[in-house]
């Protein structure tokens, strides 16, 4: 019997699978939180609203910082390679 090497299939490298996994995990976690919440529905809704606002703010900030880094990348690459960019 010959030893044949089969490269393992990695689904982690596929960004779509990672994003879907994160969304599914978040949805399951949120559902569990709603069912296991120790406070009333009104308090839980207020907490969810506050946390979602915080998350939206953090996500927006992170997106802006990522965009700024992407926009500055050509300048950084020119500095590393010693090109003037003209």
C-alpha atoms as a PDB file:
ATOM      1  CA  UNK A   1       0.000   0.000   0.000  1.00  0.00           C
ATOM      2  CA  UNK A   2       1.448   3.341  -1.016  1.00  0.00           C
ATOM      3  CA  UNK A   3       1.539   6.264   1.330  1.00  0.00           C
ATOM      4  CA  UNK A   4      -0.379   9.018  -0.388  1.00  0.00           C
ATOM      5  CA  UNK A   5      -0.481  12.412   1.210  1.00  0.00           C
ATOM      6  CA  UNK A   6      -3.800  14.174   1.127  1.00  0.00           C
ATOM      7  CA  UNK A   7      -3.729  17.818   2.042  1.00  0.00           C
ATOM      8  CA  UNK A   8      -6.282  18.590   4.754  1.00  0.00           C
ATOM      9  CA  UNK A   9      -9.217  20.694   3.675  1.00  0.00           C
ATOM     10  CA  UNK A  10      -9.213  23.961   5.560  1.00  0.00           C
ATOM     11  CA  UNK A  11     -12.497  25.829   5.726  1.00  0.00           C
ATOM     12  CA  UNK A  12     -11.040  28.489   8.039  1.00  0.00           C
ATOM     13  CA  UNK A  13      -9.279  30.194   5.131  1.00  0.00           C
ATOM     14  CA  UNK A  14     -12.591  30.921   3.458  1.00  0.00           C
ATOM     15  CA  UNK A  15     -13.749  34.323   4.801  1.00  0.00           C
ATOM     16  CA  UNK A  16     -17.380  33.551   3.983  1.00  0.00           C
ATOM     17  CA  UNK A  17     -17.353  30.540   6.303  1.00  0.00           C
ATOM     18  CA  UNK A  18     -15.735  32.570   9.072  1.00  0.00           C
ATOM     19  CA  UNK A  19     -18.315  35.356   8.766  1.00  0.00           C
ATOM     20  CA  UNK A  20     -21.207  32.890   8.643  1.00  0.00           C
ATOM     21  CA  UNK A  21     -19.815  31.091  11.694  1.00  0.00           C
ATOM     22  CA  UNK A  22     -19.518  34.341  13.632  1.00  0.00           C
ATOM     23  CA  UNK A  23     -23.045  35.404  12.699  1.00  0.00           C
ATOM     24  CA  UNK A  24     -24.500  32.021  13.569  1.00  0.00           C
ATOM     25  CA  UNK A  25     -22.619  31.936  16.871  1.00  0.00           C
ATOM     26  CA  UNK A  26     -23.797  35.445  17.698  1.00  0.00           C
ATOM     27  CA  UNK A  27     -27.387  34.552  16.896  1.00  0.00           C
ATOM     28  CA  UNK A  28     -27.248  31.431  19.050  1.00  0.00           C
ATOM     29  CA  UNK A  29     -25.623  33.383  21.876  1.00  0.00           C
ATOM     30  CA  UNK A  30     -28.212  36.157  21.692  1.00  0.00           C
ATOM     31  CA  UNK A  31     -31.047  33.642  21.711  1.00  0.00           C
ATOM     32  CA  UNK A  32     -29.596  31.854  24.724  1.00  0.00           C
ATOM     33  CA  UNK A  33     -29.145  35.183  26.491  1.00  0.00           C
ATOM     34  CA  UNK A  34     -32.802  36.072  25.964  1.00  0.00           C
ATOM     35  CA  UNK A  35     -34.016  32.759  27.352  1.00  0.00           C
ATOM     36  CA  UNK A  36     -31.620  32.732  30.292  1.00  0.00           C
ATOM     37  CA  UNK A  37     -31.788  36.428  31.205  1.00  0.00           C
ATOM     38  CA  UNK A  38     -32.192  36.997  34.959  1.00  0.00           C
ATOM     39  CA  UNK A  39     -34.088  40.298  34.539  1.00  0.00           C
ATOM     40  CA  UNK A  40     -37.430  41.297  33.055  1.00  0.00           C
ATOM     41  CA  UNK A  41     -38.105  41.655  29.353  1.00  0.00           C
ATOM     42  CA  UNK A  42     -38.143  45.447  29.586  1.00  0.00           C
ATOM     43  CA  UNK A  43     -34.706  45.533  31.205  1.00  0.00           C
ATOM     44  CA  UNK A  44     -33.383  42.997  28.740  1.00  0.00           C
ATOM     45  CA  UNK A  45     -34.622  45.059  25.782  1.00  0.00           C
ATOM     46  CA  UNK A  46     -33.043  48.201  27.217  1.00  0.00           C
ATOM     47  CA  UNK A  47     -29.764  46.342  27.718  1.00  0.00           C
ATOM     48  CA  UNK A  48     -29.878  44.956  24.169  1.00  0.00           C
ATOM     49  CA  UNK A  49     -30.570  48.406  22.759  1.00  0.00           C
ATOM     50  CA  UNK A  50     -27.668  49.954  24.688  1.00  0.00           C
ATOM     51  CA  UNK A  51     -25.270  47.169  23.757  1.00  0.00           C
ATOM     52  CA  UNK A  52     -26.301  47.254  20.086  1.00  0.00           C
ATOM     53  CA  UNK A  53     -25.691  51.014  20.005  1.00  0.00           C
ATOM     54  CA  UNK A  54     -22.246  50.485  21.563  1.00  0.00           C
ATOM     55  CA  UNK A  55     -21.472  47.707  19.089  1.00  0.00           C
ATOM     56  CA  UNK A  56     -22.566  49.836  16.134  1.00  0.00           C
ATOM     57  CA  UNK A  57     -20.363  52.683  17.347  1.00  0.00           C
ATOM     58  CA  UNK A  58     -17.349  50.404  17.843  1.00  0.00           C
ATOM     59  CA  UNK A  59     -17.909  48.759  14.450  1.00  0.00           C
ATOM     60  CA  UNK A  60     -18.148  52.140  12.720  1.00  0.00           C
ATOM     61  CA  UNK A  61     -14.958  53.307  14.436  1.00  0.00           C
ATOM     62  CA  UNK A  62     -13.152  50.103  13.517  1.00  0.00           C
ATOM     63  CA  UNK A  63     -14.318  50.428   9.910  1.00  0.00           C
ATOM     64  CA  UNK A  64     -13.086  54.014   9.712  1.00  0.00           C
ATOM     65  CA  UNK A  65      -9.691  53.030  11.140  1.00  0.00           C
ATOM     66  CA  UNK A  66      -9.399  50.099   8.726  1.00  0.00           C
ATOM     67  CA  UNK A  67     -10.292  52.350   5.785  1.00  0.00           C
ATOM     68  CA  UNK A  68      -7.690  54.913   6.876  1.00  0.00           C
ATOM     69  CA  UNK A  69      -5.047  52.176   7.029  1.00  0.00           C
ATOM     70  CA  UNK A  70      -6.016  50.909   3.582  1.00  0.00           C
ATOM     71  CA  UNK A  71      -5.921  54.423   2.142  1.00  0.00           C
ATOM     72  CA  UNK A  72      -2.449  55.045   3.615  1.00  0.00           C
ATOM     73  CA  UNK A  73      -1.078  51.745   2.289  1.00  0.00           C
ATOM     74  CA  UNK A  74       0.145  53.096  -1.092  1.00  0.00           C
ATOM     75  CA  UNK A  75       2.133  55.823   0.682  1.00  0.00           C
ATOM     76  CA  UNK A  76       3.674  53.312   3.059  1.00  0.00           C
ATOM     77  CA  UNK A  77       4.546  50.985   0.186  1.00  0.00           C
ATOM     78  CA  UNK A  78       6.242  53.841  -1.709  1.00  0.00           C
ATOM     79  CA  UNK A  79       8.270  54.661   1.409  1.00  0.00           C
ATOM     80  CA  UNK A  80       9.372  51.048   1.815  1.00  0.00           C
ATOM     81  CA  UNK A  81      10.294  50.619  -1.837  1.00  0.00           C
ATOM     82  CA  UNK A  82      11.904  54.073  -2.119  1.00  0.00           C
ATOM     83  CA  UNK A  83       9.673  55.200  -4.970  1.00  0.00           C
ATOM     84  CA  UNK A  84       8.561  58.815  -5.167  1.00  0.00           C
ATOM     85  CA  UNK A  85       5.014  58.014  -6.288  1.00  0.00           C
ATOM     86  CA  UNK A  86       5.117  60.317  -9.322  1.00  0.00           C
END
